[in-house]
């Protein structure tokens, strides 16, 4: 498959629940400062993500963006950014995972994060739906999308269920979160089911 990755390409615009204009697009090099600030804001918040209490350097984010662009050029990954009034408010990714050689090339891993003050604005659902659609159109052979979610993150679990994800299992106490051991929940979504339910 030939790569048609275009940095900065706009994918979708929509109105948030508060009526603000939101733009979903591919990342570009000029997003580097915004991405660095974004991940560090979430890290300090110590929210339901794996990065916490860690200052990500500009150099680390440069390395991340370089690898990300390469994966997208190879059609193995799709990452999209959401902006409201030119502020980066959400990041979501869809990546082909190779846990066991080529035996699980048909599985993609999905993830999403939204800035605290922009949650409950309809951004998470629109971002997730857009990224999964874009991912399935760019990364060939994907039949299953999987994710991990922290136990107790009811807002995220509700979002995933709304998209069609189902729980596959959990590891009790598998995540250390704010001095408590909480469940690590695994969820999955069949690609065909998603495409059928989200067809316009």
N, C-alpha and C. Protein backbone atom coordinates (compact mmCIF):
# COMPACT_ATOMS: atom_id res chain seq x y z
N UNK A 1 0.85 -1.20 0.00
CA UNK A 1 0.00 0.00 0.00
C UNK A 1 0.88 1.24 0.00
N UNK A 2 0.63 2.15 -0.91
CA UNK A 2 1.40 3.38 -1.01
C UNK A 2 0.97 4.35 0.08
N UNK A 3 1.95 5.01 0.68
CA UNK A 3 1.63 5.96 1.75
C UNK A 3 1.05 7.23 1.15
N UNK A 4 -0.01 7.73 1.79
CA UNK A 4 -0.56 9.02 1.40
C UNK A 4 -0.68 9.93 2.62
N UNK A 5 0.24 9.71 3.58
CA UNK A 5 0.28 10.53 4.78
C UNK A 5 0.68 11.96 4.43
N UNK A 6 -0.16 12.91 4.82
CA UNK A 6 0.11 14.33 4.58
C UNK A 6 0.08 15.04 5.93
N UNK A 7 1.25 15.46 6.44
CA UNK A 7 1.27 16.17 7.73
C UNK A 7 0.35 17.38 7.70
N UNK A 8 -0.44 17.53 8.76
CA UNK A 8 -1.34 18.67 8.87
C UNK A 8 -2.64 18.54 8.12
N UNK A 9 -2.84 17.42 7.43
CA UNK A 9 -4.07 17.25 6.64
C UNK A 9 -5.30 17.28 7.55
N UNK A 10 -6.28 18.11 7.18
CA UNK A 10 -7.51 18.23 7.96
C UNK A 10 -8.46 17.09 7.61
N UNK A 11 -9.04 16.48 8.63
CA UNK A 11 -9.90 15.31 8.44
C UNK A 11 -11.37 15.63 8.72
N UNK A 12 -11.63 16.40 9.79
CA UNK A 12 -13.03 16.60 10.18
C UNK A 12 -13.16 17.86 11.04
N UNK A 13 -14.25 18.59 10.85
CA UNK A 13 -14.58 19.69 11.74
C UNK A 13 -15.97 19.43 12.33
N UNK A 14 -16.17 19.88 13.55
CA UNK A 14 -17.46 19.67 14.20
C UNK A 14 -17.63 20.70 15.31
N UNK A 15 -18.82 20.79 15.85
CA UNK A 15 -19.11 21.70 16.96
C UNK A 15 -19.10 20.91 18.27
N UNK A 16 -18.46 21.45 19.29
CA UNK A 16 -18.50 20.82 20.60
C UNK A 16 -19.88 21.08 21.22
N UNK A 17 -20.13 20.44 22.35
CA UNK A 17 -21.43 20.63 23.01
C UNK A 17 -21.66 22.08 23.43
N UNK A 18 -20.57 22.81 23.62
CA UNK A 18 -20.69 24.23 24.00
C UNK A 18 -20.76 25.15 22.78
N UNK A 19 -20.75 24.54 21.58
CA UNK A 19 -20.90 25.32 20.36
C UNK A 19 -19.60 25.81 19.75
N UNK A 20 -18.46 25.41 20.33
CA UNK A 20 -17.17 25.82 19.78
C UNK A 20 -16.79 24.97 18.57
N UNK A 21 -16.06 25.59 17.65
CA UNK A 21 -15.60 24.90 16.44
C UNK A 21 -14.37 24.06 16.79
N UNK A 22 -14.40 22.79 16.43
CA UNK A 22 -13.27 21.89 16.68
C UNK A 22 -12.76 21.33 15.36
N UNK A 23 -11.46 21.18 15.27
CA UNK A 23 -10.81 20.66 14.06
C UNK A 23 -9.99 19.43 14.40
N UNK A 24 -10.19 18.36 13.64
CA UNK A 24 -9.38 17.14 13.77
C UNK A 24 -8.48 17.06 12.56
N UNK A 25 -7.17 16.91 12.81
CA UNK A 25 -6.22 16.82 11.70
C UNK A 25 -5.02 15.98 12.07
N UNK A 26 -4.21 15.68 11.05
CA UNK A 26 -2.95 14.97 11.28
C UNK A 26 -1.92 15.91 11.91
N UNK A 27 -0.97 15.38 12.66
CA UNK A 27 0.08 16.23 13.24
C UNK A 27 1.07 16.70 12.18
N UNK A 28 1.77 17.78 12.51
CA UNK A 28 2.85 18.29 11.66
C UNK A 28 3.96 18.78 12.59
N UNK A 29 5.15 19.03 12.01
CA UNK A 29 6.30 19.37 12.84
C UNK A 29 6.08 20.59 13.72
N UNK A 30 5.30 21.56 13.23
CA UNK A 30 5.08 22.78 14.00
C UNK A 30 4.23 22.52 15.26
N UNK A 31 3.67 21.31 15.38
CA UNK A 31 2.88 20.96 16.57
C UNK A 31 3.76 20.54 17.75
N UNK A 32 5.05 20.44 17.53
CA UNK A 32 5.95 19.92 18.56
C UNK A 32 5.83 20.64 19.91
N UNK A 33 5.85 21.99 19.96
CA UNK A 33 5.70 22.65 21.26
C UNK A 33 4.34 22.35 21.92
N UNK A 34 3.28 22.35 21.12
CA UNK A 34 1.94 22.09 21.66
C UNK A 34 1.83 20.67 22.19
N UNK A 35 2.42 19.69 21.49
CA UNK A 35 2.39 18.31 21.93
C UNK A 35 3.17 18.12 23.23
N UNK A 36 4.32 18.79 23.34
CA UNK A 36 5.13 18.69 24.55
C UNK A 36 4.37 19.28 25.74
N UNK A 37 3.76 20.45 25.55
CA UNK A 37 2.98 21.08 26.61
C UNK A 37 1.78 20.20 26.98
N UNK A 38 1.16 19.61 25.99
CA UNK A 38 -0.04 18.78 26.20
C UNK A 38 0.27 17.57 27.09
N UNK A 39 1.29 16.80 26.73
CA UNK A 39 1.59 15.59 27.50
C UNK A 39 2.05 15.94 28.91
N UNK A 40 2.76 17.04 29.06
CA UNK A 40 3.21 17.43 30.39
C UNK A 40 2.07 17.92 31.27
N UNK A 41 1.06 18.56 30.66
CA UNK A 41 -0.12 18.97 31.41
C UNK A 41 -0.87 17.75 31.93
N UNK A 42 -1.05 16.73 31.07
CA UNK A 42 -1.73 15.51 31.50
C UNK A 42 -0.91 14.74 32.53
N UNK A 43 0.41 14.75 32.38
CA UNK A 43 1.29 14.05 33.33
C UNK A 43 1.16 14.65 34.72
N UNK A 44 1.13 15.99 34.81
CA UNK A 44 1.01 16.65 36.10
C UNK A 44 -0.37 16.41 36.73
N UNK A 45 -1.38 16.28 35.88
CA UNK A 45 -2.74 16.04 36.38
C UNK A 45 -2.85 14.67 37.04
N UNK A 46 -1.98 13.73 36.61
CA UNK A 46 -2.03 12.34 37.09
C UNK A 46 -3.42 11.76 36.86
N UNK A 47 -3.83 11.81 35.60
CA UNK A 47 -5.13 11.30 35.21
C UNK A 47 -5.01 9.83 34.80
N UNK A 48 -6.04 9.31 34.13
CA UNK A 48 -6.08 7.88 33.79
C UNK A 48 -5.23 7.55 32.56
N UNK A 49 -3.93 7.91 32.58
CA UNK A 49 -3.01 7.54 31.51
C UNK A 49 -1.73 7.01 32.14
N UNK A 50 -0.90 6.34 31.33
CA UNK A 50 0.29 5.70 31.88
C UNK A 50 1.40 6.68 32.22
N UNK A 51 1.42 7.86 31.56
CA UNK A 51 2.46 8.86 31.85
C UNK A 51 1.98 9.74 33.00
N UNK A 52 2.76 9.80 34.08
CA UNK A 52 2.39 10.67 35.19
C UNK A 52 3.63 11.08 35.98
N UNK A 53 3.57 12.29 36.53
CA UNK A 53 4.67 12.82 37.33
C UNK A 53 6.01 12.73 36.62
N UNK A 54 5.98 12.95 35.30
CA UNK A 54 7.21 12.90 34.51
C UNK A 54 7.21 14.06 33.53
N UNK A 55 8.29 14.81 33.52
CA UNK A 55 8.42 15.92 32.58
C UNK A 55 9.02 15.39 31.28
N UNK A 56 8.22 15.41 30.22
CA UNK A 56 8.70 14.97 28.90
C UNK A 56 9.46 16.13 28.27
N UNK A 57 10.70 15.86 27.85
CA UNK A 57 11.52 16.93 27.28
C UNK A 57 11.18 17.16 25.81
N UNK A 58 11.60 18.32 25.34
CA UNK A 58 11.40 18.68 23.93
C UNK A 58 12.08 17.65 23.03
N UNK A 59 13.26 17.18 23.47
CA UNK A 59 14.02 16.20 22.68
C UNK A 59 13.28 14.86 22.63
N UNK A 60 12.71 14.44 23.74
CA UNK A 60 11.95 13.18 23.78
C UNK A 60 10.73 13.26 22.87
N UNK A 61 10.06 14.40 22.88
CA UNK A 61 8.88 14.57 22.04
C UNK A 61 9.27 14.64 20.57
N UNK A 62 10.45 15.21 20.27
CA UNK A 62 10.96 15.24 18.89
C UNK A 62 11.19 13.83 18.39
N UNK A 63 11.80 13.00 19.24
CA UNK A 63 12.05 11.60 18.89
C UNK A 63 10.73 10.85 18.67
N UNK A 64 9.75 11.11 19.55
CA UNK A 64 8.43 10.48 19.43
C UNK A 64 7.77 10.86 18.10
N UNK A 65 7.81 12.15 17.76
CA UNK A 65 7.16 12.61 16.54
C UNK A 65 7.85 12.05 15.30
N UNK A 66 9.17 11.92 15.34
CA UNK A 66 9.91 11.33 14.21
C UNK A 66 9.47 9.89 13.97
N UNK A 67 9.37 9.12 15.05
CA UNK A 67 8.95 7.72 14.94
C UNK A 67 7.50 7.62 14.50
N UNK A 68 6.68 8.53 15.00
CA UNK A 68 5.26 8.55 14.64
C UNK A 68 5.08 8.79 13.15
N UNK A 69 5.79 9.78 12.62
CA UNK A 69 5.70 10.09 11.19
C UNK A 69 6.13 8.89 10.34
N UNK A 70 7.19 8.21 10.78
CA UNK A 70 7.68 7.04 10.03
C UNK A 70 6.63 5.94 10.00
N UNK A 71 6.00 5.68 11.17
CA UNK A 71 4.96 4.64 11.24
C UNK A 71 3.76 4.99 10.38
N UNK A 72 3.41 6.27 10.33
CA UNK A 72 2.27 6.68 9.51
C UNK A 72 2.61 6.62 8.02
N UNK A 73 3.85 6.92 7.67
CA UNK A 73 4.29 6.78 6.28
C UNK A 73 4.27 5.32 5.84
N UNK A 74 4.49 4.41 6.78
CA UNK A 74 4.47 2.97 6.50
C UNK A 74 3.06 2.37 6.60
N UNK A 75 2.06 3.21 6.86
CA UNK A 75 0.66 2.78 7.00
C UNK A 75 0.47 1.76 8.13
N UNK A 76 1.21 1.97 9.22
CA UNK A 76 1.07 1.09 10.38
C UNK A 76 0.37 1.80 11.54
N UNK A 77 0.15 3.09 11.39
CA UNK A 77 -0.40 3.86 12.50
C UNK A 77 -1.12 5.10 11.98
N UNK A 78 -2.11 5.54 12.75
CA UNK A 78 -2.78 6.81 12.50
C UNK A 78 -2.90 7.53 13.85
N UNK A 79 -2.41 8.75 13.91
CA UNK A 79 -2.59 9.58 15.10
C UNK A 79 -3.17 10.91 14.64
N UNK A 80 -4.23 11.35 15.31
CA UNK A 80 -4.88 12.61 14.97
C UNK A 80 -4.92 13.52 16.19
N UNK A 81 -4.93 14.81 15.91
CA UNK A 81 -5.00 15.83 16.96
C UNK A 81 -6.30 16.61 16.82
N UNK A 82 -6.82 17.09 17.94
CA UNK A 82 -8.03 17.91 17.92
C UNK A 82 -7.70 19.28 18.51
N UNK A 83 -8.08 20.32 17.79
CA UNK A 83 -7.84 21.69 18.21
C UNK A 83 -9.16 22.43 18.39
N UNK A 84 -9.24 23.23 19.45
CA UNK A 84 -10.36 24.14 19.66
C UNK A 84 -9.75 25.52 19.87
N UNK A 85 -10.13 26.47 19.04
CA UNK A 85 -9.54 27.82 19.09
C UNK A 85 -8.01 27.75 19.06
N UNK A 86 -7.49 26.89 18.18
CA UNK A 86 -6.05 26.71 17.96
C UNK A 86 -5.32 26.08 19.15
N UNK A 87 -6.06 25.66 20.17
CA UNK A 87 -5.45 24.97 21.32
C UNK A 87 -5.59 23.46 21.13
N UNK A 88 -4.49 22.73 21.35
CA UNK A 88 -4.52 21.27 21.28
C UNK A 88 -5.26 20.74 22.49
N UNK A 89 -6.38 20.04 22.26
CA UNK A 89 -7.22 19.61 23.38
C UNK A 89 -7.37 18.09 23.47
N UNK A 90 -6.99 17.36 22.42
CA UNK A 90 -7.12 15.89 22.46
C UNK A 90 -6.16 15.26 21.45
N UNK A 91 -5.70 14.06 21.80
CA UNK A 91 -4.82 13.27 20.94
C UNK A 91 -5.34 11.84 20.94
N UNK A 92 -5.39 11.23 19.77
CA UNK A 92 -5.86 9.84 19.70
C UNK A 92 -5.06 9.08 18.65
N UNK A 93 -4.80 7.80 18.94
CA UNK A 93 -4.00 6.99 18.04
C UNK A 93 -4.55 5.60 17.80
N UNK A 94 -4.19 5.04 16.66
CA UNK A 94 -4.62 3.71 16.21
C UNK A 94 -3.38 3.08 15.60
N UNK A 95 -2.88 2.00 16.21
CA UNK A 95 -1.59 1.46 15.77
C UNK A 95 -1.63 -0.05 15.65
N UNK A 96 -1.12 -0.55 14.53
CA UNK A 96 -0.98 -1.99 14.34
C UNK A 96 0.05 -2.51 15.33
N UNK A 97 -0.33 -3.53 16.10
CA UNK A 97 0.57 -4.06 17.11
C UNK A 97 1.12 -5.40 16.67
N UNK A 98 2.41 -5.62 16.94
CA UNK A 98 3.06 -6.87 16.59
C UNK A 98 3.60 -7.53 17.85
N UNK A 99 2.69 -7.97 18.70
CA UNK A 99 3.12 -8.61 19.94
C UNK A 99 3.75 -9.97 19.67
N UNK A 100 3.26 -10.67 18.66
CA UNK A 100 3.71 -12.04 18.40
C UNK A 100 4.09 -12.23 16.92
N UNK A 101 5.11 -11.49 16.49
CA UNK A 101 5.52 -11.58 15.10
C UNK A 101 4.40 -11.12 14.19
N UNK A 102 4.08 -11.91 13.19
CA UNK A 102 3.00 -11.53 12.26
C UNK A 102 1.68 -12.19 12.61
N UNK A 103 1.63 -12.92 13.72
CA UNK A 103 0.40 -13.63 14.07
C UNK A 103 -0.72 -12.71 14.55
N UNK A 104 -0.37 -11.48 14.94
CA UNK A 104 -1.41 -10.56 15.37
C UNK A 104 -1.38 -9.25 14.58
N UNK A 105 -0.95 -9.33 13.33
CA UNK A 105 -0.97 -8.15 12.46
C UNK A 105 -2.39 -7.62 12.23
N UNK A 106 -3.38 -8.46 12.51
CA UNK A 106 -4.77 -8.07 12.29
C UNK A 106 -5.34 -7.30 13.49
N UNK A 107 -4.49 -7.05 14.50
CA UNK A 107 -4.94 -6.36 15.72
C UNK A 107 -4.32 -4.96 15.78
N UNK A 108 -5.15 -3.98 16.09
CA UNK A 108 -4.67 -2.61 16.28
C UNK A 108 -4.94 -2.18 17.70
N UNK A 109 -4.08 -1.32 18.22
CA UNK A 109 -4.27 -0.80 19.57
C UNK A 109 -4.74 0.65 19.48
N UNK A 110 -5.77 0.98 20.26
CA UNK A 110 -6.36 2.31 20.23
C UNK A 110 -6.13 3.01 21.56
N UNK A 111 -5.91 4.32 21.49
CA UNK A 111 -5.78 5.11 22.71
C UNK A 111 -6.23 6.54 22.48
N UNK A 112 -6.68 7.20 23.54
CA UNK A 112 -7.15 8.58 23.42
C UNK A 112 -6.95 9.30 24.74
N UNK A 113 -6.68 10.60 24.66
CA UNK A 113 -6.62 11.45 25.85
C UNK A 113 -7.23 12.80 25.49
N UNK A 114 -7.88 13.42 26.48
CA UNK A 114 -8.52 14.72 26.29
C UNK A 114 -8.16 15.60 27.48
N UNK A 115 -7.83 16.86 27.20
CA UNK A 115 -7.52 17.80 28.28
C UNK A 115 -8.70 17.94 29.23
N UNK A 116 -8.39 18.09 30.51
CA UNK A 116 -9.39 18.10 31.56
C UNK A 116 -10.57 19.03 31.28
N UNK A 117 -10.27 20.28 30.91
CA UNK A 117 -11.35 21.26 30.77
C UNK A 117 -12.18 21.06 29.50
N UNK A 118 -11.78 20.10 28.66
CA UNK A 118 -12.53 19.84 27.42
C UNK A 118 -13.23 18.48 27.44
N UNK A 119 -13.23 17.83 28.59
CA UNK A 119 -13.95 16.57 28.72
C UNK A 119 -15.45 16.84 28.84
N UNK A 120 -16.25 15.87 28.49
CA UNK A 120 -17.72 15.99 28.51
C UNK A 120 -18.23 17.02 27.51
N UNK A 121 -17.44 17.26 26.44
CA UNK A 121 -17.85 18.23 25.41
C UNK A 121 -18.17 17.55 24.09
N UNK A 122 -18.17 16.20 24.09
CA UNK A 122 -18.43 15.46 22.86
C UNK A 122 -17.19 15.25 22.01
N UNK A 123 -16.04 15.73 22.51
CA UNK A 123 -14.79 15.63 21.74
C UNK A 123 -14.27 14.20 21.72
N UNK A 124 -14.33 13.51 22.87
CA UNK A 124 -13.80 12.14 22.96
C UNK A 124 -14.46 11.21 21.96
N UNK A 125 -15.79 11.23 21.92
CA UNK A 125 -16.51 10.35 21.00
C UNK A 125 -16.19 10.66 19.55
N UNK A 126 -16.21 11.94 19.19
CA UNK A 126 -15.94 12.32 17.80
C UNK A 126 -14.51 11.97 17.40
N UNK A 127 -13.56 12.23 18.31
CA UNK A 127 -12.16 11.89 18.04
C UNK A 127 -11.98 10.39 17.86
N UNK A 128 -12.53 9.62 18.79
CA UNK A 128 -12.37 8.16 18.75
C UNK A 128 -12.96 7.59 17.46
N UNK A 129 -14.17 8.00 17.15
CA UNK A 129 -14.85 7.51 15.95
C UNK A 129 -14.05 7.86 14.69
N UNK A 130 -13.54 9.10 14.64
CA UNK A 130 -12.79 9.55 13.47
C UNK A 130 -11.47 8.80 13.34
N UNK A 131 -10.76 8.62 14.45
CA UNK A 131 -9.47 7.93 14.41
C UNK A 131 -9.63 6.47 14.01
N UNK A 132 -10.64 5.80 14.55
CA UNK A 132 -10.85 4.39 14.20
C UNK A 132 -11.22 4.25 12.73
N UNK A 133 -12.08 5.12 12.24
CA UNK A 133 -12.44 5.09 10.81
C UNK A 133 -11.21 5.33 9.94
N UNK A 134 -10.44 6.34 10.29
CA UNK A 134 -9.24 6.68 9.51
C UNK A 134 -8.23 5.55 9.60
N UNK A 135 -8.08 4.97 10.80
CA UNK A 135 -7.14 3.88 10.98
C UNK A 135 -7.50 2.67 10.14
N UNK A 136 -8.78 2.31 10.12
CA UNK A 136 -9.20 1.15 9.33
C UNK A 136 -9.05 1.38 7.83
N UNK A 137 -9.09 2.64 7.41
CA UNK A 137 -8.93 2.94 5.98
C UNK A 137 -7.46 3.00 5.57
N UNK A 138 -6.56 3.22 6.55
CA UNK A 138 -5.14 3.38 6.23
C UNK A 138 -4.30 2.14 6.55
N UNK A 139 -4.63 1.46 7.65
CA UNK A 139 -3.84 0.30 8.08
C UNK A 139 -4.57 -0.95 7.60
N UNK A 140 -3.97 -1.67 6.68
CA UNK A 140 -4.66 -2.79 6.05
C UNK A 140 -4.72 -4.03 6.94
N UNK A 141 -5.78 -4.81 6.76
CA UNK A 141 -5.90 -6.11 7.41
C UNK A 141 -6.35 -6.11 8.85
N UNK A 142 -6.75 -4.96 9.39
CA UNK A 142 -7.15 -4.90 10.80
C UNK A 142 -8.56 -5.48 10.97
N UNK A 143 -8.68 -6.44 11.88
CA UNK A 143 -9.97 -7.07 12.16
C UNK A 143 -10.45 -6.80 13.59
N UNK A 144 -9.49 -6.50 14.48
CA UNK A 144 -9.82 -6.28 15.89
C UNK A 144 -9.08 -5.04 16.39
N UNK A 145 -9.79 -4.20 17.13
CA UNK A 145 -9.17 -3.05 17.80
C UNK A 145 -9.23 -3.32 19.29
N UNK A 146 -8.11 -3.15 19.99
CA UNK A 146 -8.07 -3.43 21.42
C UNK A 146 -7.60 -2.19 22.18
N UNK A 147 -7.89 -2.17 23.47
CA UNK A 147 -7.44 -1.08 24.33
C UNK A 147 -7.37 -1.54 25.77
N UNK A 148 -6.68 -0.77 26.58
CA UNK A 148 -6.65 -0.97 28.03
C UNK A 148 -7.29 0.25 28.67
N UNK A 149 -8.03 0.05 29.73
CA UNK A 149 -8.64 1.17 30.45
C UNK A 149 -8.55 0.89 31.95
N UNK A 150 -8.31 1.93 32.71
CA UNK A 150 -8.19 1.79 34.16
C UNK A 150 -9.56 1.51 34.78
N UNK A 151 -9.62 0.57 35.70
CA UNK A 151 -10.84 0.35 36.46
C UNK A 151 -11.21 1.63 37.20
N UNK A 152 -12.47 1.97 37.21
CA UNK A 152 -12.90 3.20 37.86
C UNK A 152 -13.01 4.38 36.92
N UNK A 153 -12.46 4.25 35.71
CA UNK A 153 -12.58 5.32 34.73
C UNK A 153 -13.90 5.14 33.96
N UNK A 154 -15.00 5.37 34.68
CA UNK A 154 -16.33 5.08 34.13
C UNK A 154 -16.65 5.91 32.89
N UNK A 155 -16.16 7.13 32.85
CA UNK A 155 -16.42 8.00 31.71
C UNK A 155 -15.83 7.39 30.44
N UNK A 156 -14.59 6.91 30.52
CA UNK A 156 -13.94 6.30 29.36
C UNK A 156 -14.62 4.98 29.00
N UNK A 157 -14.94 4.18 29.99
CA UNK A 157 -15.59 2.89 29.72
C UNK A 157 -16.92 3.11 29.01
N UNK A 158 -17.68 4.10 29.44
CA UNK A 158 -18.95 4.42 28.78
C UNK A 158 -18.72 4.83 27.33
N UNK A 159 -17.69 5.65 27.09
CA UNK A 159 -17.35 6.07 25.73
C UNK A 159 -17.03 4.87 24.86
N UNK A 160 -16.20 3.97 25.37
CA UNK A 160 -15.80 2.80 24.58
C UNK A 160 -16.98 1.89 24.29
N UNK A 161 -17.84 1.72 25.28
CA UNK A 161 -19.03 0.88 25.06
C UNK A 161 -19.94 1.51 24.01
N UNK A 162 -20.03 2.82 24.01
CA UNK A 162 -20.84 3.54 23.03
C UNK A 162 -20.31 3.31 21.60
N UNK A 163 -18.99 3.15 21.50
CA UNK A 163 -18.36 2.89 20.21
C UNK A 163 -18.48 1.42 19.79
N UNK A 164 -18.88 0.55 20.73
CA UNK A 164 -19.04 -0.86 20.42
C UNK A 164 -18.02 -1.78 21.06
N UNK A 165 -17.10 -1.22 21.87
CA UNK A 165 -16.10 -2.05 22.55
C UNK A 165 -16.78 -2.91 23.62
N UNK A 166 -16.24 -4.11 23.82
CA UNK A 166 -16.71 -5.02 24.85
C UNK A 166 -15.54 -5.42 25.74
N UNK A 167 -15.84 -5.70 26.99
CA UNK A 167 -14.78 -6.13 27.91
C UNK A 167 -14.37 -7.56 27.58
N UNK A 168 -13.06 -7.78 27.50
CA UNK A 168 -12.53 -9.12 27.23
C UNK A 168 -12.01 -9.77 28.50
N UNK A 169 -11.67 -8.94 29.48
CA UNK A 169 -11.14 -9.47 30.73
C UNK A 169 -10.45 -8.36 31.51
N UNK A 170 -9.96 -8.73 32.70
CA UNK A 170 -9.28 -7.72 33.53
C UNK A 170 -8.28 -8.40 34.45
N UNK A 171 -7.27 -7.63 34.84
CA UNK A 171 -6.32 -8.10 35.84
C UNK A 171 -6.61 -7.31 37.12
N UNK A 172 -7.16 -7.96 38.13
CA UNK A 172 -7.45 -7.26 39.39
C UNK A 172 -6.17 -6.69 40.00
N UNK A 173 -6.19 -5.41 40.33
CA UNK A 173 -5.02 -4.77 40.94
C UNK A 173 -3.86 -4.62 39.98
N UNK A 174 -4.12 -4.67 38.69
CA UNK A 174 -3.04 -4.62 37.69
C UNK A 174 -2.46 -3.25 37.44
N UNK A 175 -3.08 -2.18 37.99
CA UNK A 175 -2.61 -0.82 37.79
C UNK A 175 -2.46 -0.12 39.14
N UNK A 176 -1.31 0.53 39.35
CA UNK A 176 -1.12 1.36 40.53
C UNK A 176 -1.53 2.78 40.16
N UNK A 177 -2.58 3.29 40.78
CA UNK A 177 -3.10 4.61 40.46
C UNK A 177 -3.39 5.38 41.74
N UNK A 178 -2.64 6.46 41.96
CA UNK A 178 -2.81 7.30 43.15
C UNK A 178 -2.81 6.48 44.44
N UNK A 179 -1.78 5.65 44.55
CA UNK A 179 -1.54 4.83 45.75
C UNK A 179 -2.54 3.70 45.95
N UNK A 180 -3.35 3.41 44.94
CA UNK A 180 -4.28 2.30 45.02
C UNK A 180 -4.05 1.34 43.85
N UNK A 181 -4.21 0.05 44.12
CA UNK A 181 -4.12 -0.94 43.04
C UNK A 181 -5.52 -1.18 42.48
N UNK A 182 -5.70 -0.79 41.22
CA UNK A 182 -7.02 -0.90 40.58
C UNK A 182 -6.94 -1.86 39.39
N UNK A 183 -8.10 -2.25 38.89
CA UNK A 183 -8.15 -3.22 37.79
C UNK A 183 -7.62 -2.64 36.49
N UNK A 184 -6.92 -3.47 35.74
CA UNK A 184 -6.51 -3.15 34.36
C UNK A 184 -7.48 -3.90 33.46
N UNK A 185 -8.34 -3.14 32.76
CA UNK A 185 -9.41 -3.74 31.96
C UNK A 185 -9.02 -3.77 30.49
N UNK A 186 -9.26 -4.91 29.85
CA UNK A 186 -8.98 -5.07 28.43
C UNK A 186 -10.30 -5.09 27.67
N UNK A 187 -10.38 -4.28 26.60
CA UNK A 187 -11.60 -4.22 25.80
C UNK A 187 -11.24 -4.41 24.33
N UNK A 188 -12.21 -4.88 23.54
CA UNK A 188 -11.96 -5.10 22.12
C UNK A 188 -13.18 -4.72 21.30
N UNK A 189 -12.93 -4.43 20.04
CA UNK A 189 -13.98 -4.06 19.09
C UNK A 189 -13.70 -4.74 17.77
N UNK A 190 -14.69 -5.43 17.22
CA UNK A 190 -14.54 -6.05 15.91
C UNK A 190 -14.68 -4.99 14.84
N UNK A 191 -13.72 -4.93 13.92
CA UNK A 191 -13.70 -3.90 12.88
C UNK A 191 -14.97 -3.89 12.04
N UNK A 192 -15.42 -5.08 11.64
CA UNK A 192 -16.61 -5.17 10.80
C UNK A 192 -17.85 -4.64 11.53
N UNK A 193 -17.94 -4.91 12.81
CA UNK A 193 -19.06 -4.44 13.62
C UNK A 193 -19.04 -2.91 13.70
N UNK A 194 -17.86 -2.35 13.91
CA UNK A 194 -17.73 -0.90 13.98
C UNK A 194 -18.12 -0.25 12.65
N UNK A 195 -17.60 -0.77 11.56
CA UNK A 195 -17.90 -0.19 10.24
C UNK A 195 -19.38 -0.27 9.92
N UNK A 196 -20.00 -1.36 10.32
CA UNK A 196 -21.43 -1.54 10.06
C UNK A 196 -22.25 -0.52 10.88
N UNK A 197 -21.87 -0.37 12.16
CA UNK A 197 -22.64 0.51 13.04
C UNK A 197 -22.38 1.99 12.80
N UNK A 198 -21.22 2.33 12.22
CA UNK A 198 -20.87 3.75 12.04
C UNK A 198 -21.03 4.21 10.59
N UNK A 199 -21.59 3.36 9.74
CA UNK A 199 -21.75 3.74 8.33
C UNK A 199 -22.74 4.90 8.26
N UNK A 200 -22.33 5.92 7.46
CA UNK A 200 -23.15 7.13 7.34
C UNK A 200 -24.31 6.92 6.36
